[in-house]
Amino acid sequence: VQLQASGGGLVQAGGSLRLSCAASGYVFRSYDMGWFRQAPGKGQEFVASINWSATSTRYADSVKGRFTISRDNTNDMVYLQMNSLKPEDTAVYYCGRRGSVQFDYWGQGTLVTVSS
């Protein structure tokens, strides 16, 4: 299983970024996927998840209404559209695969820095 996130960068508060995650090594369309983040000096935080068929999504309260998760089962990709970014969104973002019970694989992250 390989998960590679990309699309991070430096953006001003109020701006937008779109993160991408390329999955390989397993049957992508069979698994729910999610995005997580870890801010400097803090623990892992759930951001958003999407089920295998893209018919159900969940969001952390802190990003609800600003972030949108989506997936492309043809190209084995999952995305996170981030709008109205705030300095507190600064973190390393990484995608994860949800196994039968819990998330079981995470990829290398991509750094998002939001300046005030």
PDB file of N, CA and C in Angstrom:
ATOM      1  N   VAL A   1       0.852  -1.184   0.000  1.00  0.00           N
ATOM      2  CA  VAL A   1       0.000   0.000   0.000  1.00  0.00           C
ATOM      3  C   VAL A   1       0.895   1.244   0.000  1.00  0.00           C
ATOM      4  N   GLN A   2       0.602   2.129  -0.936  1.00  0.00           N
ATOM      5  CA  GLN A   2       1.336   3.399  -0.964  1.00  0.00           C
ATOM      6  C   GLN A   2       0.350   4.535  -1.116  1.00  0.00           C
ATOM      7  N   LEU A   3       0.540   5.570  -0.310  1.00  0.00           N
ATOM      8  CA  LEU A   3      -0.286   6.762  -0.352  1.00  0.00           C
ATOM      9  C   LEU A   3       0.643   7.965  -0.391  1.00  0.00           C
ATOM     10  N   GLN A   4       0.495   8.801  -1.381  1.00  0.00           N
ATOM     11  CA  GLN A   4       1.381   9.949  -1.535  1.00  0.00           C
ATOM     12  C   GLN A   4       0.560  11.217  -1.664  1.00  0.00           C
ATOM     13  N   ALA A   5       0.685  12.078  -0.669  1.00  0.00           N
ATOM     14  CA  ALA A   5      -0.029  13.355  -0.680  1.00  0.00           C
ATOM     15  C   ALA A   5       0.809  14.426  -1.351  1.00  0.00           C
ATOM     16  N   SER A   6       0.139  15.372  -1.975  1.00  0.00           N
ATOM     17  CA  SER A   6       0.808  16.503  -2.613  1.00  0.00           C
ATOM     18  C   SER A   6      -0.135  17.692  -2.644  1.00  0.00           C
ATOM     19  N   GLY A   7       0.423  18.853  -2.997  1.00  0.00           N
ATOM     20  CA  GLY A   7      -0.409  20.034  -3.160  1.00  0.00           C
ATOM     21  C   GLY A   7      -0.299  21.053  -2.042  1.00  0.00           C
ATOM     22  N   GLY A   8       0.480  20.758  -1.024  1.00  0.00           N
ATOM     23  CA  GLY A   8       0.642  21.708   0.057  1.00  0.00           C
ATOM     24  C   GLY A   8       1.473  22.910  -0.365  1.00  0.00           C
ATOM     25  N   GLY A   9       1.541  23.889   0.515  1.00  0.00           N
ATOM     26  CA  GLY A   9       2.319  25.079   0.228  1.00  0.00           C
ATOM     27  C   GLY A   9       1.999  26.182   1.205  1.00  0.00           C
ATOM     28  N   LEU A  10       2.461  27.372   0.863  1.00  0.00           N
ATOM     29  CA  LEU A  10       2.237  28.555   1.683  1.00  0.00           C
ATOM     30  C   LEU A  10       1.107  29.372   1.076  1.00  0.00           C
ATOM     31  N   VAL A  11       0.141  29.734   1.896  1.00  0.00           N
ATOM     32  CA  VAL A  11      -1.005  30.500   1.422  1.00  0.00           C
ATOM     33  C   VAL A  11      -1.404  31.502   2.505  1.00  0.00           C
ATOM     34  N   GLN A  12      -1.947  32.622   2.076  1.00  0.00           N
ATOM     35  CA  GLN A  12      -2.420  33.613   3.030  1.00  0.00           C
ATOM     36  C   GLN A  12      -3.769  33.209   3.613  1.00  0.00           C
ATOM     37  N   ALA A  13      -4.047  33.683   4.782  1.00  0.00           N
ATOM     38  CA  ALA A  13      -5.344  33.428   5.399  1.00  0.00           C
ATOM     39  C   ALA A  13      -6.456  33.873   4.453  1.00  0.00           C
ATOM     40  N   GLY A  14      -7.478  33.042   4.358  1.00  0.00           N
ATOM     41  CA  GLY A  14      -8.572  33.303   3.441  1.00  0.00           C
ATOM     42  C   GLY A  14      -8.407  32.655   2.085  1.00  0.00           C
ATOM     43  N   GLY A  15      -7.219  32.152   1.829  1.00  0.00           N
ATOM     44  CA  GLY A  15      -6.935  31.529   0.544  1.00  0.00           C
ATOM     45  C   GLY A  15      -7.378  30.084   0.474  1.00  0.00           C
ATOM     46  N   SER A  16      -7.048  29.450  -0.654  1.00  0.00           N
ATOM     47  CA  SER A  16      -7.463  28.075  -0.914  1.00  0.00           C
ATOM     48  C   SER A  16      -6.290  27.230  -1.383  1.00  0.00           C
ATOM     49  N   LEU A  17      -6.397  25.951  -1.113  1.00  0.00           N
ATOM     50  CA  LEU A  17      -5.456  24.960  -1.626  1.00  0.00           C
ATOM     51  C   LEU A  17      -6.236  23.684  -1.908  1.00  0.00           C
ATOM     52  N   ARG A  18      -5.731  22.914  -2.864  1.00  0.00           N
ATOM     53  CA  ARG A  18      -6.307  21.604  -3.137  1.00  0.00           C
ATOM     54  C   ARG A  18      -5.229  20.547  -2.957  1.00  0.00           C
ATOM     55  N   LEU A  19      -5.449  19.661  -2.025  1.00  0.00           N
ATOM     56  CA  LEU A  19      -4.516  18.564  -1.789  1.00  0.00           C
ATOM     57  C   LEU A  19      -4.949  17.343  -2.585  1.00  0.00           C
ATOM     58  N   SER A  20      -3.964  16.583  -3.034  1.00  0.00           N
ATOM     59  CA  SER A  20      -4.224  15.341  -3.748  1.00  0.00           C
ATOM     60  C   SER A  20      -3.504  14.200  -3.053  1.00  0.00           C
ATOM     61  N   CYS A  21      -4.071  13.010  -3.174  1.00  0.00           N
ATOM     62  CA  CYS A  21      -3.440  11.820  -2.623  1.00  0.00           C
ATOM     63  C   CYS A  21      -3.553  10.713  -3.659  1.00  0.00           C
ATOM     64  N   ALA A  22      -2.407  10.223  -4.085  1.00  0.00           N
ATOM     65  CA  ALA A  22      -2.366   9.130  -5.048  1.00  0.00           C
ATOM     66  C   ALA A  22      -2.179   7.810  -4.309  1.00  0.00           C
ATOM     67  N   ALA A  23      -3.071   6.870  -4.576  1.00  0.00           N
ATOM     68  CA  ALA A  23      -3.035   5.570  -3.912  1.00  0.00           C
ATOM     69  C   ALA A  23      -2.595   4.497  -4.894  1.00  0.00           C
ATOM     70  N   SER A  24      -1.891   3.507  -4.381  1.00  0.00           N
ATOM     71  CA  SER A  24      -1.478   2.382  -5.216  1.00  0.00           C
ATOM     72  C   SER A  24      -1.221   1.161  -4.336  1.00  0.00           C
ATOM     73  N   GLY A  25      -1.174   0.010  -4.961  1.00  0.00           N
ATOM     74  CA  GLY A  25      -0.843  -1.218  -4.245  1.00  0.00           C
ATOM     75  C   GLY A  25      -2.021  -1.958  -3.655  1.00  0.00           C
ATOM     76  N   TYR A  26      -3.231  -1.473  -3.891  1.00  0.00           N
ATOM     77  CA  TYR A  26      -4.420  -2.161  -3.408  1.00  0.00           C
ATOM     78  C   TYR A  26      -5.611  -1.720  -4.253  1.00  0.00           C
ATOM     79  N   VAL A  27      -6.760  -2.355  -4.017  1.00  0.00           N
ATOM     80  CA  VAL A  27      -7.962  -2.032  -4.784  1.00  0.00           C
ATOM     81  C   VAL A  27      -8.605  -0.794  -4.165  1.00  0.00           C
ATOM     82  N   PHE A  28      -8.248   0.347  -4.691  1.00  0.00           N
ATOM     83  CA  PHE A  28      -8.616   1.640  -4.106  1.00  0.00           C
ATOM     84  C   PHE A  28     -10.116   1.777  -3.898  1.00  0.00           C
ATOM     85  N   ARG A  29     -10.900   1.371  -4.884  1.00  0.00           N
ATOM     86  CA  ARG A  29     -12.341   1.616  -4.846  1.00  0.00           C
ATOM     87  C   ARG A  29     -13.054   0.801  -3.765  1.00  0.00           C
ATOM     88  N   SER A  30     -12.351  -0.116  -3.133  1.00  0.00           N
ATOM     89  CA  SER A  30     -12.962  -0.950  -2.100  1.00  0.00           C
ATOM     90  C   SER A  30     -12.836  -0.375  -0.693  1.00  0.00           C
ATOM     91  N   TYR A  31     -12.118   0.726  -0.542  1.00  0.00           N
ATOM     92  CA  TYR A  31     -11.804   1.238   0.793  1.00  0.00           C
ATOM     93  C   TYR A  31     -12.253   2.682   0.982  1.00  0.00           C
ATOM     94  N   ASP A  32     -12.733   2.957   2.190  1.00  0.00           N
ATOM     95  CA  ASP A  32     -12.953   4.335   2.594  1.00  0.00           C
ATOM     96  C   ASP A  32     -11.585   5.010   2.749  1.00  0.00           C
ATOM     97  N   MET A  33     -11.588   6.323   2.572  1.00  0.00           N
ATOM     98  CA  MET A  33     -10.348   7.091   2.681  1.00  0.00           C
ATOM     99  C   MET A  33     -10.556   8.307   3.580  1.00  0.00           C
ATOM    100  N   GLY A  34      -9.456   8.850   4.073  1.00  0.00           N
ATOM    101  CA  GLY A  34      -9.575  10.019   4.921  1.00  0.00           C
ATOM    102  C   GLY A  34      -8.356  10.914   4.860  1.00  0.00           C
ATOM    103  N   TRP A  35      -8.536  12.101   5.366  1.00  0.00           N
ATOM    104  CA  TRP A  35      -7.438  13.066   5.524  1.00  0.00           C
ATOM    105  C   TRP A  35      -7.257  13.354   7.011  1.00  0.00           C
ATOM    106  N   PHE A  36      -6.010  13.453   7.401  1.00  0.00           N
ATOM    107  CA  PHE A  36      -5.641  13.782   8.769  1.00  0.00           C
ATOM    108  C   PHE A  36      -4.609  14.900   8.726  1.00  0.00           C
ATOM    109  N   ARG A  37      -4.370  15.511   9.872  1.00  0.00           N
ATOM    110  CA  ARG A  37      -3.335  16.531   9.928  1.00  0.00           C
ATOM    111  C   ARG A  37      -2.656  16.511  11.290  1.00  0.00           C
ATOM    112  N   GLN A  38      -1.446  17.028  11.299  1.00  0.00           N
ATOM    113  CA  GLN A  38      -0.708  17.163  12.546  1.00  0.00           C
ATOM    114  C   GLN A  38      -0.017  18.509  12.552  1.00  0.00           C
ATOM    115  N   ALA A  39      -0.459  19.357  13.456  1.00  0.00           N
ATOM    116  CA  ALA A  39       0.139  20.677  13.598  1.00  0.00           C
ATOM    117  C   ALA A  39       1.400  20.570  14.455  1.00  0.00           C
ATOM    118  N   PRO A  40       2.296  21.550  14.339  1.00  0.00           N
ATOM    119  CA  PRO A  40       3.536  21.526  15.127  1.00  0.00           C
ATOM    120  C   PRO A  40       3.246  21.395  16.616  1.00  0.00           C
ATOM    121  N   GLY A  41       3.840  20.409  17.249  1.00  0.00           N
ATOM    122  CA  GLY A  41       3.685  20.225  18.681  1.00  0.00           C
ATOM    123  C   GLY A  41       2.365  19.620  19.125  1.00  0.00           C
ATOM    124  N   LYS A  42       1.559  19.174  18.156  1.00  0.00           N
ATOM    125  CA  LYS A  42       0.249  18.613  18.501  1.00  0.00           C
ATOM    126  C   LYS A  42       0.123  17.200  17.967  1.00  0.00           C
ATOM    127  N   GLY A  43      -0.908  16.531  18.370  1.00  0.00           N
ATOM    128  CA  GLY A  43      -1.150  15.176  17.934  1.00  0.00           C
ATOM    129  C   GLY A  43      -1.919  15.116  16.632  1.00  0.00           C
ATOM    130  N   GLN A  44      -2.135  13.905  16.159  1.00  0.00           N
ATOM    131  CA  GLN A  44      -2.874  13.697  14.932  1.00  0.00           C
ATOM    132  C   GLN A  44      -4.323  14.110  15.101  1.00  0.00           C
ATOM    133  N   GLU A  45      -4.864  14.756  14.078  1.00  0.00           N
ATOM    134  CA  GLU A  45      -6.253  15.199  14.099  1.00  0.00           C
ATOM    135  C   GLU A  45      -6.968  14.717  12.846  1.00  0.00           C
ATOM    136  N   PHE A  46      -8.124  14.114  13.032  1.00  0.00           N
ATOM    137  CA  PHE A  46      -8.971  13.739  11.906  1.00  0.00           C
ATOM    138  C   PHE A  46      -9.499  14.999  11.225  1.00  0.00           C
ATOM    139  N   VAL A  47      -9.486  15.008   9.901  1.00  0.00           N
ATOM    140  CA  VAL A  47      -9.988  16.147   9.146  1.00  0.00           C
ATOM    141  C   VAL A  47     -11.275  15.788   8.396  1.00  0.00           C
ATOM    142  N   ALA A  48     -11.204  14.736   7.588  1.00  0.00           N
ATOM    143  CA  ALA A  48     -12.363  14.374   6.763  1.00  0.00           C
ATOM    144  C   ALA A  48     -12.227  12.937   6.292  1.00  0.00           C
ATOM    145  N   SER A  49     -13.361  12.333   5.965  1.00  0.00           N
ATOM    146  CA  SER A  49     -13.336  10.994   5.396  1.00  0.00           C
ATOM    147  C   SER A  49     -14.418  10.866   4.347  1.00  0.00           C
ATOM    148  N   ILE A  50     -14.240   9.868   3.477  1.00  0.00           N
ATOM    149  CA  ILE A  50     -15.194   9.607   2.412  1.00  0.00           C
ATOM    150  C   ILE A  50     -15.298   8.103   2.237  1.00  0.00           C
ATOM    151  N   ASN A  51     -16.515   7.614   2.038  1.00  0.00           N
ATOM    152  CA  ASN A  51     -16.658   6.174   1.898  1.00  0.00           C
ATOM    153  C   ASN A  51     -16.257   5.723   0.499  1.00  0.00           C
ATOM    154  N   TRP A  52     -16.243   4.403   0.305  1.00  0.00           N
ATOM    155  CA  TRP A  52     -15.675   3.859  -0.928  1.00  0.00           C
ATOM    156  C   TRP A  52     -16.401   4.334  -2.180  1.00  0.00           C
ATOM    157  N   SER A  53     -17.719   4.569  -2.050  1.00  0.00           N
ATOM    158  CA  SER A  53     -18.528   4.946  -3.215  1.00  0.00           C
ATOM    159  C   SER A  53     -18.753   6.442  -3.320  1.00  0.00           C
ATOM    160  N   ALA A  54     -18.144   7.197  -2.419  1.00  0.00           N
ATOM    161  CA  ALA A  54     -18.289   8.659  -2.412  1.00  0.00           C
ATOM    162  C   ALA A  54     -19.716   9.114  -2.141  1.00  0.00           C
ATOM    163  N   THR A  55     -20.480   8.296  -1.474  1.00  0.00           N
ATOM    164  CA  THR A  55     -21.864   8.662  -1.148  1.00  0.00           C
ATOM    165  C   THR A  55     -22.001   9.196   0.272  1.00  0.00           C
ATOM    166  N   SER A  56     -20.934   9.129   1.041  1.00  0.00           N
ATOM    167  CA  SER A  56     -20.983   9.587   2.425  1.00  0.00           C
ATOM    168  C   SER A  56     -19.656  10.235   2.800  1.00  0.00           C
ATOM    169  N   THR A  57     -19.730  11.386   3.433  1.00  0.00           N
ATOM    170  CA  THR A  57     -18.545  12.088   3.894  1.00  0.00           C
ATOM    171  C   THR A  57     -18.731  12.525   5.350  1.00  0.00           C
ATOM    172  N   ARG A  58     -17.613  12.703   6.033  1.00  0.00           N
ATOM    173  CA  ARG A  58     -17.607  13.224   7.395  1.00  0.00           C
ATOM    174  C   ARG A  58     -16.520  14.255   7.522  1.00  0.00           C
ATOM    175  N   TYR A  59     -16.754  15.232   8.400  1.00  0.00           N
ATOM    176  CA  TYR A  59     -15.783  16.308   8.592  1.00  0.00           C
ATOM    177  C   TYR A  59     -15.613  16.616  10.071  1.00  0.00           C
ATOM    178  N   ALA A  60     -14.411  17.032  10.420  1.00  0.00           N
ATOM    179  CA  ALA A  60     -14.198  17.578  11.748  1.00  0.00           C
ATOM    180  C   ALA A  60     -14.947  18.903  11.843  1.00  0.00           C
ATOM    181  N   ASP A  61     -15.439  19.217  13.016  1.00  0.00           N
ATOM    182  CA  ASP A  61     -16.177  20.467  13.188  1.00  0.00           C
ATOM    183  C   ASP A  61     -15.336  21.681  12.793  1.00  0.00           C
ATOM    184  N   SER A  62     -14.043  21.579  13.010  1.00  0.00           N
ATOM    185  CA  SER A  62     -13.152  22.714  12.754  1.00  0.00           C
ATOM    186  C   SER A  62     -13.022  23.058  11.272  1.00  0.00           C
ATOM    187  N   VAL A  63     -13.380  22.126  10.389  1.00  0.00           N
ATOM    188  CA  VAL A  63     -13.235  22.382   8.948  1.00  0.00           C
ATOM    189  C   VAL A  63     -14.557  22.325   8.200  1.00  0.00           C
ATOM    190  N   LYS A  64     -15.621  21.960   8.888  1.00  0.00           N
ATOM    191  CA  LYS A  64     -16.921  21.811   8.234  1.00  0.00           C
ATOM    192  C   LYS A  64     -17.346  23.117   7.583  1.00  0.00           C
ATOM    193  N   GLY A  65     -17.771  23.016   6.330  1.00  0.00           N
ATOM    194  CA  GLY A  65     -18.195  24.197   5.591  1.00  0.00           C
ATOM    195  C   GLY A  65     -17.063  24.887   4.847  1.00  0.00           C
ATOM    196  N   ARG A  66     -15.839  24.515   5.141  1.00  0.00           N
ATOM    197  CA  ARG A  66     -14.676  25.118   4.460  1.00  0.00           C
ATOM    198  C   ARG A  66     -13.915  24.106   3.606  1.00  0.00           C
ATOM    199  N   PHE A  67     -13.868  22.871   4.051  1.00  0.00           N
ATOM    200  CA  PHE A  67     -13.124  21.820   3.345  1.00  0.00           C
ATOM    201  C   PHE A  67     -14.106  20.853   2.679  1.00  0.00           C
ATOM    202  N   THR A  68     -13.687  20.299   1.547  1.00  0.00           N
ATOM    203  CA  THR A  68     -14.479  19.290   0.846  1.00  0.00           C
ATOM    204  C   THR A  68     -13.585  18.137   0.420  1.00  0.00           C
ATOM    205  N   ILE A  69     -13.968  16.937   0.816  1.00  0.00           N
ATOM    206  CA  ILE A  69     -13.237  15.745   0.411  1.00  0.00           C
ATOM    207  C   ILE A  69     -13.942  15.110  -0.775  1.00  0.00           C
ATOM    208  N   SER A  70     -13.154  14.583  -1.706  1.00  0.00           N
ATOM    209  CA  SER A  70     -13.723  13.901  -2.871  1.00  0.00           C
ATOM    210  C   SER A  70     -12.750  12.811  -3.311  1.00  0.00           C
ATOM    211  N   ARG A  71     -13.220  11.956  -4.210  1.00  0.00           N
ATOM    212  CA  ARG A  71     -12.362  10.884  -4.693  1.00  0.00           C
ATOM    213  C   ARG A  71     -12.650  10.569  -6.150  1.00  0.00           C
ATOM    214  N   ASP A  72     -11.677   9.974  -6.806  1.00  0.00           N
ATOM    215  CA  ASP A  72     -11.786   9.538  -8.198  1.00  0.00           C
ATOM    216  C   ASP A  72     -11.373   8.083  -8.239  1.00  0.00           C
ATOM    217  N   ASN A  73     -12.354   7.199  -8.282  1.00  0.00           N
ATOM    218  CA  ASN A  73     -12.055   5.771  -8.243  1.00  0.00           C
ATOM    219  C   ASN A  73     -11.494   5.238  -9.563  1.00  0.00           C
ATOM    220  N   THR A  74     -11.581   6.030 -10.609  1.00  0.00           N
ATOM    221  CA  THR A  74     -10.984   5.618 -11.877  1.00  0.00           C
ATOM    222  C   THR A  74      -9.472   5.791 -11.840  1.00  0.00           C
ATOM    223  N   ASN A  75      -9.032   6.851 -11.202  1.00  0.00           N
ATOM    224  CA  ASN A  75      -7.606   7.167 -11.169  1.00  0.00           C
ATOM    225  C   ASN A  75      -6.958   6.965  -9.799  1.00  0.00           C
ATOM    226  N   ASP A  76      -7.703   6.370  -8.868  1.00  0.00           N
ATOM    227  CA  ASP A  76      -7.167   6.043  -7.535  1.00  0.00           C
ATOM    228  C   ASP A  76      -6.634   7.283  -6.817  1.00  0.00           C
ATOM    229  N   MET A  77      -7.471   8.299  -6.779  1.00  0.00           N
ATOM    230  CA  MET A  77      -7.072   9.569  -6.161  1.00  0.00           C
ATOM    231  C   MET A  77      -8.118  10.002  -5.144  1.00  0.00           C
ATOM    232  N   VAL A  78      -7.657  10.670  -4.104  1.00  0.00           N
ATOM    233  CA  VAL A  78      -8.552  11.339  -3.175  1.00  0.00           C
ATOM    234  C   VAL A  78      -8.061  12.768  -3.009  1.00  0.00           C
ATOM    235  N   TYR A  79      -9.007  13.688  -2.854  1.00  0.00           N
ATOM    236  CA  TYR A  79      -8.690  15.114  -2.835  1.00  0.00           C
ATOM    237  C   TYR A  79      -9.239  15.781  -1.582  1.00  0.00           C
ATOM    238  N   LEU A  80      -8.620  16.894  -1.239  1.00  0.00           N
ATOM    239  CA  LEU A  80      -9.148  17.738  -0.168  1.00  0.00           C
ATOM    240  C   LEU A  80      -9.080  19.180  -0.651  1.00  0.00           C
ATOM    241  N   GLN A  81     -10.239  19.743  -0.943  1.00  0.00           N
ATOM    242  CA  GLN A  81     -10.330  21.145  -1.318  1.00  0.00           C
ATOM    243  C   GLN A  81     -10.478  21.960  -0.043  1.00  0.00           C
ATOM    244  N   MET A  82      -9.563  22.881   0.164  1.00  0.00           N
ATOM    245  CA  MET A  82      -9.542  23.669   1.392  1.00  0.00           C
ATOM    246  C   MET A  82      -9.741  25.135   1.044  1.00  0.00           C
ATOM    247  N   ASN A  83     -10.826  25.700   1.512  1.00  0.00           N
ATOM    248  CA  ASN A  83     -11.148  27.107   1.273  1.00  0.00           C
ATOM    249  C   ASN A  83     -11.168  27.868   2.588  1.00  0.00           C
ATOM    250  N   SER A  84     -11.115  29.178   2.482  1.00  0.00           N
ATOM    251  CA  SER A  84     -11.166  30.047   3.675  1.00  0.00           C
ATOM    252  C   SER A  84     -10.168  29.581   4.733  1.00  0.00           C
ATOM    253  N   LEU A  85      -8.957  29.356   4.305  1.00  0.00           N
ATOM    254  CA  LEU A  85      -7.943  28.815   5.212  1.00  0.00           C
ATOM    255  C   LEU A  85      -7.609  29.801   6.319  1.00  0.00           C
ATOM    256  N   LYS A  86      -7.312  29.233   7.494  1.00  0.00           N
ATOM    257  CA  LYS A  86      -6.981  30.007   8.676  1.00  0.00           C
ATOM    258  C   LYS A  86      -5.581  29.616   9.149  1.00  0.00           C
ATOM    259  N   PRO A  87      -4.909  30.480   9.875  1.00  0.00           N
ATOM    260  CA  PRO A  87      -3.582  30.123  10.399  1.00  0.00           C
ATOM    261  C   PRO A  87      -3.588  28.827  11.207  1.00  0.00           C
ATOM    262  N   GLU A  88      -4.682  28.553  11.896  1.00  0.00           N
ATOM    263  CA  GLU A  88      -4.758  27.325  12.694  1.00  0.00           C
ATOM    264  C   GLU A  88      -4.903  26.066  11.849  1.00  0.00           C
ATOM    265  N   ASP A  89      -5.051  26.216  10.546  1.00  0.00           N
ATOM    266  CA  ASP A  89      -5.047  25.063   9.647  1.00  0.00           C
ATOM    267  C   ASP A  89      -3.632  24.637   9.275  1.00  0.00           C
ATOM    268  N   THR A  90      -2.638  25.402   9.697  1.00  0.00           N
ATOM    269  CA  THR A  90      -1.253  25.060   9.416  1.00  0.00           C
ATOM    270  C   THR A  90      -0.909  23.699  10.024  1.00  0.00           C
ATOM    271  N   ALA A  91      -0.428  22.791   9.187  1.00  0.00           N
ATOM    272  CA  ALA A  91      -0.149  21.425   9.639  1.00  0.00           C
ATOM    273  C   ALA A  91       0.431  20.629   8.477  1.00  0.00           C
ATOM    274  N   VAL A  92       0.940  19.455   8.817  1.00  0.00           N
ATOM    275  CA  VAL A  92       1.244  18.456   7.798  1.00  0.00           C
ATOM    276  C   VAL A  92      -0.029  17.649   7.573  1.00  0.00           C
ATOM    277  N   TYR A  93      -0.458  17.585   6.335  1.00  0.00           N
ATOM    278  CA  TYR A  93      -1.671  16.861   5.971  1.00  0.00           C
ATOM    279  C   TYR A  93      -1.283  15.555   5.297  1.00  0.00           C
ATOM    280  N   TYR A  94      -1.968  14.482   5.675  1.00  0.00           N
ATOM    281  CA  TYR A  94      -1.702  13.210   5.028  1.00  0.00           C
ATOM    282  C   TYR A  94      -2.988  12.414   4.891  1.00  0.00           C
ATOM    283  N   CYS A  95      -2.994  11.564   3.893  1.00  0.00           N
ATOM    284  CA  CYS A  95      -4.182  10.761   3.650  1.00  0.00           C
ATOM    285  C   CYS A  95      -4.019   9.384   4.270  1.00  0.00           C
ATOM    286  N   GLY A  96      -5.140   8.761   4.529  1.00  0.00           N
ATOM    287  CA  GLY A  96      -5.138   7.448   5.138  1.00  0.00           C
ATOM    288  C   GLY A  96      -6.167   6.537   4.513  1.00  0.00           C
ATOM    289  N   ARG A  97      -5.919   5.247   4.597  1.00  0.00           N
ATOM    290  CA  ARG A  97      -6.857   4.233   4.139  1.00  0.00           C
ATOM    291  C   ARG A  97      -7.536   3.606   5.351  1.00  0.00           C
ATOM    292  N   ARG A  98      -8.866   3.478   5.270  1.00  0.00           N
ATOM    293  CA  ARG A  98      -9.587   2.860   6.365  1.00  0.00           C
ATOM    294  C   ARG A  98      -9.764   1.378   6.087  1.00  0.00           C
ATOM    295  N   GLY A  99      -9.230   0.556   6.983  1.00  0.00           N
ATOM    296  CA  GLY A  99      -9.402  -0.883   6.868  1.00  0.00           C
ATOM    297  C   GLY A  99     -10.771  -1.293   7.364  1.00  0.00           C
ATOM    298  N   SER A 100     -10.923  -2.524   7.730  1.00  0.00           N
ATOM    299  CA  SER A 100     -12.227  -3.030   8.141  1.00  0.00           C
ATOM    300  C   SER A 100     -12.702  -2.435   9.462  1.00  0.00           C
ATOM    301  N   VAL A 101     -11.760  -2.014  10.297  1.00  0.00           N
ATOM    302  CA  VAL A 101     -12.135  -1.499  11.618  1.00  0.00           C
ATOM    303  C   VAL A 101     -11.674  -0.061  11.805  1.00  0.00           C
ATOM    304  N   GLN A 102     -10.477   0.238  11.382  1.00  0.00           N
ATOM    305  CA  GLN A 102      -9.899   1.561  11.615  1.00  0.00           C
ATOM    306  C   GLN A 102      -8.941   1.891  10.477  1.00  0.00           C
ATOM    307  N   PHE A 103      -8.448   3.126  10.490  1.00  0.00           N
ATOM    308  CA  PHE A 103      -7.476   3.510   9.480  1.00  0.00           C
ATOM    309  C   PHE A 103      -6.187   2.734   9.721  1.00  0.00           C
ATOM    310  N   ASP A 104      -5.657   2.129   8.639  1.00  0.00           N
ATOM    311  CA  ASP A 104      -4.525   1.230   8.811  1.00  0.00           C
ATOM    312  C   ASP A 104      -3.276   1.618   8.034  1.00  0.00           C
ATOM    313  N   TYR A 105      -3.394   2.535   7.110  1.00  0.00           N
ATOM    314  CA  TYR A 105      -2.229   3.010   6.369  1.00  0.00           C
ATOM    315  C   TYR A 105      -2.323   4.523   6.201  1.00  0.00           C
ATOM    316  N   TRP A 106      -1.171   5.159   6.345  1.00  0.00           N
ATOM    317  CA  TRP A 106      -1.054   6.593   6.093  1.00  0.00           C
ATOM    318  C   TRP A 106       0.136   6.829   5.180  1.00  0.00           C
ATOM    319  N   GLY A 107       0.017   7.833   4.354  1.00  0.00           N
ATOM    320  CA  GLY A 107       1.129   8.149   3.483  1.00  0.00           C
ATOM    321  C   GLY A 107       1.981   9.257   4.065  1.00  0.00           C
ATOM    322  N   GLN A 108       3.032   9.609   3.353  1.00  0.00           N
ATOM    323  CA  GLN A 108       3.828  10.771   3.723  1.00  0.00           C
ATOM    324  C   GLN A 108       2.993  12.014   3.491  1.00  0.00           C
ATOM    325  N   GLY A 109       3.151  12.985   4.332  1.00  0.00           N
ATOM    326  CA  GLY A 109       2.289  14.143   4.294  1.00  0.00           C
ATOM    327  C   GLY A 109       2.801  15.254   3.411  1.00  0.00           C
ATOM    328  N   THR A 110       1.981  16.282   3.328  1.00  0.00           N
ATOM    329  CA  THR A 110       2.329  17.496   2.613  1.00  0.00           C
ATOM    330  C   THR A 110       2.055  18.680   3.542  1.00  0.00           C
ATOM    331  N   LEU A 111       3.002  19.605   3.595  1.00  0.00           N
ATOM    332  CA  LEU A 111       2.915  20.710   4.552  1.00  0.00           C
ATOM    333  C   LEU A 111       2.059  21.849   4.009  1.00  0.00           C
ATOM    334  N   VAL A 112       1.119  22.272   4.815  1.00  0.00           N
ATOM    335  CA  VAL A 112       0.289  23.439   4.519  1.00  0.00           C
ATOM    336  C   VAL A 112       0.603  24.506   5.566  1.00  0.00           C
ATOM    337  N   THR A 113       0.998  25.671   5.092  1.00  0.00           N
ATOM    338  CA  THR A 113       1.296  26.789   5.982  1.00  0.00           C
ATOM    339  C   THR A 113       0.397  27.957   5.617  1.00  0.00           C
ATOM    340  N   VAL A 114      -0.369  28.436   6.585  1.00  0.00           N
ATOM    341  CA  VAL A 114      -1.293  29.543   6.354  1.00  0.00           C
ATOM    342  C   VAL A 114      -0.788  30.744   7.137  1.00  0.00           C
ATOM    343  N   SER A 115      -0.454  31.788   6.421  1.00  0.00           N
ATOM    344  CA  SER A 115       0.060  32.985   7.075  1.00  0.00           C
ATOM    345  C   SER A 115      -1.081  33.957   7.375  1.00  0.00           C
ATOM    346  N   SER A 116      -0.910  34.687   8.458  1.00  0.00           N
ATOM    347  CA  SER A 116      -1.970  35.637   8.871  1.00  0.00           C
ATOM    348  C   SER A 116      -1.762  37.002   8.248  1.00  0.00           C
TER     349      SER A 116
END
